[in-house]
């Protein structure tokens, strides 16, 4: 076959296959569904794309509902619903349920070059019955029916609030964390550009800012570059929560959506505000966005700022490693954040591979004795001549044979104990001196350097997702909830559940991450009588 004929042959085959594909797709799209669809097994074909949807197809009945949000609220409050109910502003109110079309609904997938809504297709919205499971891995004897189901986060096709009437307020509480400015910016961008909200305010210096300082009126120029800055442009503080003063300030300013960025303490305030607003029958949605650099908030996969903190902590460990290896009997000691949980210390050690000992609040240890920390460090220095220790700030509570004094508490009621890094530094220096060994110990404490840096790319993406979905939930009229990733999917979690005490996020001994750390460092338990400790734990269980 000549080259020209070969080219024509293959061109004909390609054209024919394309025509057949178009024919089959048109038949599938035009074919009427005569029986109930099976969402988990069906094939979704969009008229605008030949790429299959990544989510289960939405049944026609839901797509064509006159008020999808009302359908969802009725289902969530029905006796047959097994999804954890998120409070909604319509409950307990006698007003007619609104039916407001979302401005995000549009015919195409592309956003206008001028910004604004109208860029999401029908099947991009969240509909009645969508949920995220709490547990992704099931062992023997466990079934999916036994796990919690959280309401799936995302935009709703119909809204509870008319965007033209929305006035929003944003506040940051507690300690600093990488990514706060990203969340503030994206809350504004989503409210203003996606939904058309005109009145968006920033509250300065935490909860007390509601009734103490003038509010900041945001505009695009004010927030457009803040995502590249560390800290929070609003400032932050602990304490200052005065329920009545805050509610009165919200009402007097005509606010009907409030977004609070903070940890457990901040979410406790959100819950109190929600209860008071509900008691007064006010149509004000209040939403939490979980923030803690320690990554110890229950239920959610990870809190924003954590990945950035780990990156910065690795730099500190690298510095300690260099110091330790450039001195005779050199010791590099790094104290990292982690008051109640050791995730930063553990993850940084796993990533750096340079640490020889990692101490975190979750696991008890002893300083003294033949199997204690000090003897282990001495023996390692004797054999290797170098040592890198990484200690979480809360590890002082895990020391069994040393009394750590609590110096004071902060405005949130958190205790401020002695610096465990200084304690270990002093005790190790004395111990080695008594063994006739002179050591060179460098104590590195990057605590506040870590939490003030701008967010990295991972955390910026997470902050954007959290902010946008917080806005979607508020616009739909949900209230008293927080938004977070559960099994890498965004969900709305009732704050009552978050703070119930039924859930915990701590490093556990049988986790793969902790086992990797033990394999990397080779460290023992630092317990003189480990068998006795195991028996005590079993009795407690």
Protein backbone atom coordinates (compact mmCIF):
# COMPACT_ATOMS: atom_id res chain seq x y z
CA UNK A 1 0.00 0.00 0.00
CA UNK A 2 1.40 3.42 -0.99
CA UNK A 3 2.13 6.06 1.64
CA UNK A 4 -0.76 8.27 0.44
CA UNK A 5 -3.24 5.39 0.43
CA UNK A 6 -2.07 4.32 3.89
CA UNK A 7 -2.66 7.82 5.21
CA UNK A 8 -6.18 7.93 3.72
CA UNK A 9 -6.94 4.48 5.16
CA UNK A 10 -6.01 5.43 8.73
CA UNK A 11 -7.79 8.77 8.43
CA UNK A 12 -10.95 6.92 7.39
CA UNK A 13 -10.68 4.53 10.33
CA UNK A 14 -10.25 7.47 12.76
CA UNK A 15 -13.24 9.34 11.28
CA UNK A 16 -15.45 6.26 11.40
CA UNK A 17 -14.57 5.48 15.00
CA UNK A 18 -15.29 9.10 15.96
CA UNK A 19 -18.71 8.99 14.28
CA UNK A 20 -19.57 5.73 16.02
CA UNK A 21 -18.52 7.18 19.39
CA UNK A 22 -20.66 10.30 18.84
CA UNK A 23 -23.62 8.13 17.83
CA UNK A 24 -23.38 5.95 20.96
CA UNK A 25 -22.97 8.95 23.30
CA UNK A 26 -25.99 10.72 21.76
CA UNK A 27 -28.08 7.56 22.15
CA UNK A 28 -27.05 7.23 25.79
CA UNK A 29 -27.75 10.89 26.55
CA UNK A 30 -31.16 10.85 24.83
CA UNK A 31 -32.29 7.49 26.16
CA UNK A 32 -35.11 7.81 28.70
CA UNK A 33 -34.58 6.14 32.08
CA UNK A 34 -37.58 3.86 32.64
CA UNK A 35 -36.51 2.52 36.00
CA UNK A 36 -34.79 3.90 39.10
CA UNK A 37 -31.16 4.68 38.36
CA UNK A 38 -28.38 2.95 40.28
CA UNK A 39 -26.00 5.83 41.10
CA UNK A 40 -23.08 3.71 42.23
CA UNK A 41 -23.00 1.62 39.07
CA UNK A 42 -24.19 4.03 36.37
CA UNK A 43 -22.06 5.81 33.79
CA UNK A 44 -22.24 9.60 33.73
CA UNK A 45 -21.89 11.30 30.37
CA UNK A 46 -21.86 15.09 30.24
CA UNK A 47 -22.99 16.87 27.10
CA UNK A 48 -20.02 19.20 27.48
CA UNK A 49 -17.33 16.56 27.90
CA UNK A 50 -16.38 13.02 26.95
CA UNK A 51 -14.63 12.57 30.33
CA UNK A 52 -16.55 10.54 32.88
CA UNK A 53 -17.45 12.32 36.13
CA UNK A 54 -15.35 11.39 39.17
CA UNK A 55 -18.40 11.42 41.43
CA UNK A 56 -21.45 9.20 41.31
CA UNK A 57 -24.06 10.49 38.86
CA UNK A 58 -26.93 12.48 40.33
CA UNK A 59 -30.41 11.01 39.76
CA UNK A 60 -32.65 13.05 37.47
CA UNK A 61 -35.21 13.54 40.24
CA UNK A 62 -32.67 15.43 42.32
CA UNK A 63 -31.26 17.39 39.40
CA UNK A 64 -34.74 18.56 38.45
CA UNK A 65 -36.02 19.27 41.96
CA UNK A 66 -37.65 22.67 42.42
CA UNK A 67 -35.84 23.20 45.73
CA UNK A 68 -32.94 20.76 46.28
CA UNK A 69 -31.95 22.40 49.57
CA UNK A 70 -35.40 21.92 51.06
CA UNK A 71 -35.30 18.26 50.00
CA UNK A 72 -31.96 17.88 51.77
CA UNK A 73 -33.09 19.54 55.01
CA UNK A 74 -36.23 17.39 55.16
CA UNK A 75 -34.16 14.26 54.64
CA UNK A 76 -31.53 15.23 57.23
CA UNK A 77 -34.26 15.65 59.83
CA UNK A 78 -36.19 12.52 58.94
CA UNK A 79 -36.22 9.38 61.07
CA UNK A 80 -34.62 7.35 58.27
CA UNK A 81 -31.54 9.54 57.83
CA UNK A 82 -28.31 8.08 59.22
CA UNK A 83 -26.12 11.09 58.37
CA UNK A 84 -24.97 13.19 61.33
CA UNK A 85 -27.38 16.13 61.35
CA UNK A 86 -25.94 19.61 60.92
CA UNK A 87 -28.04 22.37 62.45
CA UNK A 88 -29.97 24.49 59.99
CA UNK A 89 -31.43 27.96 60.45
CA UNK A 90 -34.86 26.86 59.22
CA UNK A 91 -35.38 24.54 62.19
CA UNK A 92 -37.66 26.03 64.82
CA UNK A 93 -38.62 28.96 62.59
CA UNK A 94 -42.07 29.31 61.11
CA UNK A 95 -41.08 31.37 58.06
CA UNK A 96 -41.56 29.95 54.59
CA UNK A 97 -38.47 28.11 53.39
CA UNK A 98 -36.70 30.25 50.78
CA UNK A 99 -35.88 29.03 47.29
CA UNK A 100 -32.97 31.08 45.98
CA UNK A 101 -31.06 29.92 42.95
CA UNK A 102 -27.31 29.73 43.47
CA UNK A 103 -25.38 32.26 41.37
CA UNK A 104 -22.75 29.56 40.84
CA UNK A 105 -25.08 27.61 38.54
CA UNK A 106 -24.13 28.03 34.88
CA UNK A 107 -24.24 26.33 31.51
CA UNK A 108 -20.50 26.07 31.00
CA UNK A 109 -17.50 24.87 32.98
CA UNK A 110 -15.49 28.05 32.43
CA UNK A 111 -15.63 31.07 34.71
CA UNK A 112 -16.20 34.53 33.28
CA UNK A 113 -13.00 36.51 32.76
CA UNK A 114 -14.62 39.26 34.83
CA UNK A 115 -15.14 36.91 37.81
CA UNK A 116 -18.47 36.13 39.40
CA UNK A 117 -20.66 33.08 39.42
CA UNK A 118 -22.34 31.00 36.79
CA UNK A 119 -19.56 28.50 36.19
CA UNK A 120 -20.71 25.22 37.77
CA UNK A 121 -22.73 22.56 35.91
CA UNK A 122 -25.69 20.78 37.53
CA UNK A 123 -23.79 17.74 38.71
CA UNK A 124 -21.07 19.78 40.45
CA UNK A 125 -23.41 20.61 43.34
CA UNK A 126 -24.06 18.56 46.47
CA UNK A 127 -27.50 16.98 46.66
CA UNK A 128 -29.65 15.21 49.21
CA UNK A 129 -28.11 12.03 50.67
CA UNK A 130 -24.43 12.85 50.06
CA UNK A 131 -22.10 11.99 52.91
CA UNK A 132 -18.48 11.25 53.88
CA UNK A 133 -17.64 8.16 55.95
CA UNK A 134 -15.60 8.58 59.13
CA UNK A 135 -13.54 5.40 58.66
CA UNK A 136 -11.87 4.43 55.40
CA UNK A 137 -10.20 1.16 56.43
CA UNK A 138 -12.20 -1.74 57.87
CA UNK A 139 -10.74 -4.75 59.59
CA UNK A 140 -12.27 -8.15 60.31
CA UNK A 141 -15.74 -7.92 61.81
CA UNK A 142 -16.18 -4.24 60.87
CA UNK A 143 -18.69 -2.98 58.33
CA UNK A 144 -19.30 0.36 56.65
CA UNK A 145 -22.69 0.62 58.34
CA UNK A 146 -20.92 0.91 61.69
CA UNK A 147 -19.02 4.10 60.87
CA UNK A 148 -20.20 7.69 61.24
CA UNK A 149 -21.48 9.51 58.19
CA UNK A 150 -20.76 13.22 57.97
CA UNK A 151 -22.65 15.62 55.74
CA UNK A 152 -20.71 16.26 52.56
CA UNK A 153 -19.45 19.82 52.13
CA UNK A 154 -19.87 21.77 48.92
CA UNK A 155 -22.06 24.22 47.04
CA UNK A 156 -25.83 23.74 47.07
CA UNK A 157 -27.91 24.45 43.98
CA UNK A 158 -30.45 26.45 45.98
CA UNK A 159 -29.63 28.76 48.88
CA UNK A 160 -31.14 29.80 52.19
CA UNK A 161 -29.61 33.28 52.10
CA UNK A 162 -30.12 35.82 49.34
CA UNK A 163 -26.51 36.90 48.68
CA UNK A 164 -27.68 40.51 48.26
CA UNK A 165 -28.75 40.58 51.91
CA UNK A 166 -25.66 38.92 53.40
CA UNK A 167 -23.32 40.78 55.73
CA UNK A 168 -20.39 38.68 56.91
CA UNK A 169 -17.75 38.93 59.66
CA UNK A 170 -14.42 37.09 59.94
CA UNK A 171 -12.40 36.63 63.15
CA UNK A 172 -9.16 34.80 64.01
CA UNK A 173 -8.66 33.55 67.58
CA UNK A 174 -5.95 31.78 69.58
CA UNK A 175 -2.33 31.36 68.56
CA UNK A 176 -0.83 32.07 65.17
CA UNK A 177 -0.63 29.44 62.47
CA UNK A 178 0.58 29.39 58.84
CA UNK A 179 -2.35 29.90 56.48
CA UNK A 180 -4.58 32.24 58.49
CA UNK A 181 -4.28 35.00 55.91
CA UNK A 182 -5.03 32.53 53.11
CA UNK A 183 -8.31 31.56 54.78
CA UNK A 184 -9.24 35.22 55.36
CA UNK A 185 -8.54 36.05 51.72
CA UNK A 186 -10.44 33.09 50.31
CA UNK A 187 -13.44 33.70 52.57
CA UNK A 188 -13.62 37.20 51.11
CA UNK A 189 -13.05 36.05 47.54
CA UNK A 190 -15.71 33.35 47.73
CA UNK A 191 -18.26 35.60 49.41
CA UNK A 192 -17.62 38.57 47.16
CA UNK A 193 -16.82 37.14 43.74
CA UNK A 194 -18.70 33.83 43.78
CA UNK A 195 -21.82 34.99 45.61
CA UNK A 196 -21.77 38.76 45.16
CA UNK A 197 -21.69 39.72 48.86
CA UNK A 198 -20.80 43.38 49.30
CA UNK A 199 -20.42 43.84 53.07
CA UNK A 200 -17.60 41.77 54.57
CA UNK A 201 -15.88 42.80 57.79
CA UNK A 202 -12.76 41.77 59.69
CA UNK A 203 -12.72 41.62 63.49
CA UNK A 204 -9.44 42.58 65.16
CA UNK A 205 -7.70 40.61 67.92
CA UNK A 206 -10.03 37.69 68.47
CA UNK A 207 -13.39 37.52 70.21
CA UNK A 208 -12.87 40.72 72.20
CA UNK A 209 -12.54 42.59 68.92
CA UNK A 210 -16.29 42.28 68.34
CA UNK A 211 -16.98 44.80 71.10
CA UNK A 212 -13.60 46.52 71.66
CA UNK A 213 -12.23 47.70 68.31
CA UNK A 214 -13.56 49.29 65.12
CA UNK A 215 -14.40 46.73 62.47
CA UNK A 216 -12.45 46.61 59.20
CA UNK A 217 -14.48 46.86 55.97
CA UNK A 218 -12.78 44.52 53.50
CA UNK A 219 -12.37 45.12 49.78
CA UNK A 220 -10.42 43.26 47.11
CA UNK A 221 -7.38 45.52 47.31
CA UNK A 222 -7.16 45.04 51.08
CA UNK A 223 -6.87 41.25 50.88
CA UNK A 224 -5.50 40.47 47.42
CA UNK A 225 -1.87 39.86 48.47
CA UNK A 226 -2.23 38.73 52.08
CA UNK A 227 -2.00 35.02 51.23
CA UNK A 228 1.76 35.46 50.91
CA UNK A 229 2.12 36.83 54.45
CA UNK A 230 2.57 35.00 57.72
CA UNK A 231 0.39 35.59 60.77
CA UNK A 232 -3.02 37.22 60.44
CA UNK A 233 -3.79 40.75 59.22
CA UNK A 234 -6.61 40.84 61.78
CA UNK A 235 -4.42 40.04 64.75
CA UNK A 236 -5.39 37.37 67.24
CA UNK A 237 -5.72 36.81 70.97
CA UNK A 238 -6.83 34.28 73.54
CA UNK A 239 -9.80 34.77 75.85
CA UNK A 240 -11.99 37.87 75.61
CA UNK A 241 -15.14 35.83 75.07
CA UNK A 242 -18.17 37.77 76.35
CA UNK A 243 -21.28 36.09 74.97
CA UNK A 244 -23.78 38.94 75.33
CA UNK A 245 -21.41 41.65 74.10
CA UNK A 246 -20.45 39.61 71.05
CA UNK A 247 -24.06 38.82 70.14
CA UNK A 248 -25.11 42.43 70.57
CA UNK A 249 -22.26 43.59 68.34
CA UNK A 250 -23.22 41.07 65.66
CA UNK A 251 -26.87 42.14 65.76
CA UNK A 252 -26.11 45.87 65.82
CA UNK A 253 -23.91 45.55 62.72
CA UNK A 254 -26.60 43.59 60.87
CA UNK A 255 -24.34 40.56 60.43
CA UNK A 256 -25.95 37.28 59.35
CA UNK A 257 -22.84 35.14 58.66
CA UNK A 258 -19.88 34.80 61.05
CA UNK A 259 -16.70 32.83 60.32
CA UNK A 260 -14.43 31.96 63.28
CA UNK A 261 -10.92 30.58 62.74
CA UNK A 262 -9.51 28.75 65.74
CA UNK A 263 -8.97 25.57 67.73
CA UNK A 264 -10.99 23.75 70.38
CA UNK A 265 -11.36 26.83 72.58
CA UNK A 266 -12.55 28.96 69.67
CA UNK A 267 -15.01 26.27 68.62
CA UNK A 268 -16.33 26.16 72.17
CA UNK A 269 -17.11 29.85 71.73
CA UNK A 270 -18.77 29.16 68.38
CA UNK A 271 -21.02 26.58 70.05
CA UNK A 272 -22.06 29.03 72.77
CA UNK A 273 -22.78 31.71 70.19
CA UNK A 274 -24.79 29.27 68.10
CA UNK A 275 -26.95 28.31 71.09
CA UNK A 276 -27.58 31.94 71.99
CA UNK A 277 -28.43 32.90 68.41
CA UNK A 278 -30.80 29.94 68.16
CA UNK A 279 -32.37 30.87 71.50
CA UNK A 280 -33.09 34.36 70.16
CA UNK A 281 -34.37 32.87 66.87
CA UNK A 282 -31.94 34.96 64.84
CA UNK A 283 -31.20 33.99 61.25
CA UNK A 284 -27.44 34.21 61.70
CA UNK A 285 -25.15 31.43 60.53
CA UNK A 286 -21.99 30.92 62.58
CA UNK A 287 -19.25 28.67 61.20
CA UNK A 288 -15.96 27.38 62.59
CA UNK A 289 -12.82 26.71 60.56
CA UNK A 290 -10.47 24.40 62.51
CA UNK A 291 -7.00 25.78 63.14
CA UNK A 292 -4.16 24.38 65.21
CA UNK A 293 -0.54 24.02 64.32
CA UNK A 294 -0.36 20.88 66.52
CA UNK A 295 -2.81 18.98 64.27
CA UNK A 296 -4.69 17.61 67.29
CA UNK A 297 -8.28 18.54 66.40
CA UNK A 298 -10.53 15.49 66.52
CA UNK A 299 -12.27 13.85 63.53
CA UNK A 300 -10.56 15.79 60.72
CA UNK A 301 -7.58 14.39 58.81
CA UNK A 302 -5.31 17.38 59.23
CA UNK A 303 -5.49 21.03 60.19
CA UNK A 304 -4.09 23.75 57.97
CA UNK A 305 -0.61 25.03 58.79
CA UNK A 306 0.60 21.65 59.99
CA UNK A 307 2.48 20.72 56.81
CA UNK A 308 4.20 24.11 56.76
CA UNK A 309 5.19 23.66 60.41
CA UNK A 310 6.73 20.28 59.63
CA UNK A 311 8.76 21.79 56.79
CA UNK A 312 10.14 24.49 59.07
CA UNK A 313 10.81 21.96 61.85
CA UNK A 314 12.93 19.90 59.44
CA UNK A 315 15.18 22.93 58.94
CA UNK A 316 15.69 23.16 62.70
CA UNK A 317 16.54 19.44 62.91
CA UNK A 318 19.02 19.82 60.05
CA UNK A 319 20.72 22.66 61.93
CA UNK A 320 20.89 20.52 65.08
CA UNK A 321 22.39 17.67 63.05
CA UNK A 322 25.14 19.91 61.66
CA UNK A 323 25.92 21.31 65.11
CA UNK A 324 26.09 17.82 66.62
CA UNK A 325 28.38 16.48 63.92
CA UNK A 326 30.77 19.42 64.07
CA UNK A 327 31.65 19.01 67.75
CA UNK A 328 33.25 16.39 69.93
CA UNK A 329 30.45 14.56 71.72
CA UNK A 330 28.08 16.95 70.01
CA UNK A 331 24.40 17.09 70.95
CA UNK A 332 21.72 18.93 68.97
CA UNK A 333 18.48 19.36 70.93
CA UNK A 334 15.39 20.71 69.17
CA UNK A 335 12.24 21.69 71.06
CA UNK A 336 9.15 21.82 68.84
CA UNK A 337 5.51 22.75 69.34
CA UNK A 338 3.09 20.07 70.49
CA UNK A 339 1.40 20.71 73.81
CA UNK A 340 -0.89 17.68 73.82
CA UNK A 341 0.10 15.84 70.65
CA UNK A 342 3.45 15.08 69.07
CA UNK A 343 2.52 15.12 65.39
CA UNK A 344 4.95 17.89 64.40
CA UNK A 345 7.89 16.23 66.15
CA UNK A 346 7.05 12.77 64.81
CA UNK A 347 6.43 13.89 61.22
CA UNK A 348 9.52 16.12 61.13
CA UNK A 349 11.70 13.26 62.38
CA UNK A 350 10.21 10.86 59.85
CA UNK A 351 10.87 13.32 57.06
CA UNK A 352 14.36 14.44 58.09
CA UNK A 353 15.76 10.98 59.05
CA UNK A 354 18.41 12.80 61.12
CA UNK A 355 16.96 12.41 64.63
CA UNK A 356 18.16 9.74 67.05
CA UNK A 357 15.55 10.31 69.78
CA UNK A 358 12.03 11.73 69.59
CA UNK A 359 10.00 12.45 72.74
CA UNK A 360 6.31 13.34 72.54
CA UNK A 361 3.49 13.81 75.10
CA UNK A 362 1.68 10.57 74.25
CA UNK A 363 4.33 8.16 75.58
CA UNK A 364 5.64 8.04 79.14
CA UNK A 365 9.38 7.86 79.71
CA UNK A 366 11.94 8.11 82.48
CA UNK A 367 15.06 10.24 82.67
CA UNK A 368 17.02 8.16 85.17
CA UNK A 369 17.88 4.51 85.63
CA UNK A 370 19.68 1.92 83.51
CA UNK A 371 17.03 2.10 80.79
CA UNK A 372 16.24 5.79 81.16
CA UNK A 373 16.77 8.53 78.58
CA UNK A 374 19.97 9.95 80.07
CA UNK A 375 21.82 6.62 80.17
CA UNK A 376 20.75 5.86 76.59
CA UNK A 377 22.04 9.24 75.40
CA UNK A 378 25.31 8.77 77.26
CA UNK A 379 25.88 5.33 75.74
CA UNK A 380 25.11 6.58 72.25
CA UNK A 381 27.55 9.47 72.60
CA UNK A 382 30.15 7.05 73.90
CA UNK A 383 29.79 4.83 70.83
CA UNK A 384 28.86 7.29 68.05
CA UNK A 385 30.05 10.65 69.33
CA UNK A 386 26.94 12.47 68.14
CA UNK A 387 23.28 12.77 69.15
CA UNK A 388 20.17 14.62 67.88
CA UNK A 389 17.16 14.84 70.22
CA UNK A 390 13.75 16.18 69.15
CA UNK A 391 11.34 16.99 71.96
CA UNK A 392 7.72 18.18 71.74
CA UNK A 393 6.89 20.94 74.21
CA UNK A 394 4.31 18.80 76.00
CA UNK A 395 6.69 15.89 76.59
CA UNK A 396 7.40 17.22 80.07
CA UNK A 397 4.04 15.80 81.16
CA UNK A 398 5.23 12.35 80.06
CA UNK A 399 8.29 12.28 82.34
CA UNK A 400 7.59 9.84 85.17
CA UNK A 401 10.52 10.62 87.44
CA UNK A 402 10.78 14.40 87.16
CA UNK A 403 8.26 16.92 88.47
CA UNK A 404 7.58 19.64 85.92
CA UNK A 405 6.27 22.80 87.54
CA UNK A 406 3.38 24.70 85.97
CA UNK A 407 4.40 28.34 85.99
CA UNK A 408 1.10 29.93 84.89
CA UNK A 409 -1.82 29.64 82.48
CA UNK A 410 -2.62 31.68 79.40
CA UNK A 411 -5.86 33.59 78.72
CA UNK A 412 -7.45 30.44 77.32
CA UNK A 413 -6.70 28.47 80.48
CA UNK A 414 -3.89 26.41 78.94
CA UNK A 415 -1.09 25.59 81.37
CA UNK A 416 2.41 26.90 80.67
CA UNK A 417 4.86 24.42 82.23
CA UNK A 418 8.61 24.63 82.50
CA UNK A 419 10.51 24.32 79.23
CA UNK A 420 11.13 20.59 78.80
CA UNK A 421 13.98 21.34 76.40
CA UNK A 422 15.86 23.25 79.10
CA UNK A 423 15.18 20.47 81.63
CA UNK A 424 16.62 17.74 79.37
CA UNK A 425 19.53 19.98 78.40
CA UNK A 426 20.51 20.63 82.02
CA UNK A 427 19.97 17.06 83.21
CA UNK A 428 21.89 15.48 80.29
CA UNK A 429 24.82 17.88 80.76
CA UNK A 430 25.04 17.05 84.48
CA UNK A 431 24.65 13.32 83.86
CA UNK A 432 27.45 13.17 81.30
CA UNK A 433 29.68 15.34 83.48
CA UNK A 434 29.22 12.88 86.35
CA UNK A 435 30.33 10.16 83.92
CA UNK A 436 33.48 12.18 83.12
CA UNK A 437 32.20 13.07 79.64
CA UNK A 438 32.26 16.62 78.39
CA UNK A 439 29.56 17.34 75.80
CA UNK A 440 28.81 20.25 73.48
CA UNK A 441 25.04 20.77 73.49
CA UNK A 442 23.19 23.22 71.25
CA UNK A 443 19.58 23.90 72.21
CA UNK A 444 17.47 25.06 69.24
CA UNK A 445 13.93 26.36 69.88
CA UNK A 446 12.24 27.48 66.63
CA UNK A 447 8.73 27.52 68.15
CA UNK A 448 7.57 31.01 67.20
CA UNK A 449 9.60 31.08 63.99
CA UNK A 450 7.66 28.04 62.80
CA UNK A 451 4.16 29.36 63.41
CA UNK A 452 4.73 32.80 61.85
CA UNK A 453 5.91 31.78 58.38
CA UNK A 454 3.63 31.98 55.31
CA UNK A 455 1.80 28.79 54.35
CA UNK A 456 3.37 26.46 51.80
CA UNK A 457 1.58 25.36 48.65
CA UNK A 458 -0.06 22.33 50.31
CA UNK A 459 -1.55 24.42 53.09
CA UNK A 460 -2.61 27.20 50.72
CA UNK A 461 -4.68 24.72 48.74
CA UNK A 462 -6.19 23.32 51.93
CA UNK A 463 -7.01 26.81 53.24
CA UNK A 464 -8.73 27.67 49.97
CA UNK A 465 -10.85 24.51 50.12
CA UNK A 466 -11.83 25.08 53.74
CA UNK A 467 -12.75 28.73 53.18
CA UNK A 468 -14.83 28.11 50.07
CA UNK A 469 -16.74 25.24 51.63
CA UNK A 470 -17.37 27.20 54.82
CA UNK A 471 -19.01 29.86 52.66
CA UNK A 472 -21.05 27.26 50.75
CA UNK A 473 -22.37 25.87 54.04
CA UNK A 474 -23.27 29.27 55.45
CA UNK A 475 -25.05 30.27 52.23
CA UNK A 476 -27.11 27.10 52.46
CA UNK A 477 -28.21 28.11 55.97
CA UNK A 478 -26.23 25.57 57.98
CA UNK A 479 -24.92 26.81 61.30
CA UNK A 480 -23.01 25.62 64.35
CA UNK A 481 -20.67 23.44 62.28
CA UNK A 482 -17.02 23.25 61.32
CA UNK A 483 -15.56 22.20 57.99
CA UNK A 484 -12.69 19.78 57.51
CA UNK A 485 -11.24 16.91 55.52
CA UNK A 486 -12.34 13.43 56.55
CA UNK A 487 -10.70 10.67 54.52
CA UNK A 488 -9.55 13.34 52.09
CA UNK A 489 -13.12 14.52 51.46
CA UNK A 490 -14.59 17.75 52.78
CA UNK A 491 -17.39 17.42 55.32
CA UNK A 492 -19.54 19.52 57.64
CA UNK A 493 -19.16 18.40 61.25
CA UNK A 494 -21.54 19.53 64.03
CA UNK A 495 -19.48 21.34 66.67
CA UNK A 496 -21.33 19.40 69.39
CA UNK A 497 -19.76 16.24 67.97
CA UNK A 498 -16.33 17.82 67.56
CA UNK A 499 -16.26 18.83 71.24
CA UNK A 500 -18.14 15.83 72.63
CA UNK A 501 -15.03 14.09 73.92
CA UNK A 502 -15.92 10.93 72.00
CA UNK A 503 -13.13 11.52 69.51
CA UNK A 504 -9.42 12.10 69.89
CA UNK A 505 -6.50 12.88 67.62
CA UNK A 506 -3.26 11.77 69.22
CA UNK A 507 -0.27 9.69 68.17
CA UNK A 508 -0.93 6.04 69.05
CA UNK A 509 1.64 3.32 69.59
CA UNK A 510 0.42 1.04 66.82
CA UNK A 511 0.17 3.74 64.14
CA UNK A 512 2.26 3.21 61.04
CA UNK A 513 3.83 6.67 61.44
CA UNK A 514 5.08 5.97 64.97
CA UNK A 515 6.37 2.54 63.98
CA UNK A 516 8.29 4.14 61.12
CA UNK A 517 9.86 6.58 63.57
CA UNK A 518 10.93 3.79 65.92
CA UNK A 519 12.46 1.93 62.98
CA UNK A 520 14.32 5.09 61.95
CA UNK A 521 15.66 6.19 65.35
CA UNK A 522 16.02 2.76 66.94
CA UNK A 523 15.06 4.29 70.28
CA UNK A 524 13.72 2.11 73.15
CA UNK A 525 10.82 3.00 75.45
CA UNK A 526 13.04 4.69 78.07
CA UNK A 527 11.15 2.80 80.78
CA UNK A 528 13.01 0.87 83.49
CA UNK A 529 10.06 -1.46 83.99
CA UNK A 530 8.24 -1.56 80.69
CA UNK A 531 6.30 -4.73 81.55
CA UNK A 532 4.77 -3.05 84.60
CA UNK A 533 3.69 -0.06 82.50
CA UNK A 534 2.02 -2.32 79.95
CA UNK A 535 0.08 -4.11 82.70
CA UNK A 536 -1.08 -0.79 84.15
CA UNK A 537 -2.34 0.33 80.74
CA UNK A 538 -4.21 -2.94 80.24
CA UNK A 539 -5.87 -2.55 83.64
CA UNK A 540 -6.91 1.01 82.76
CA UNK A 541 -8.44 -0.22 79.51
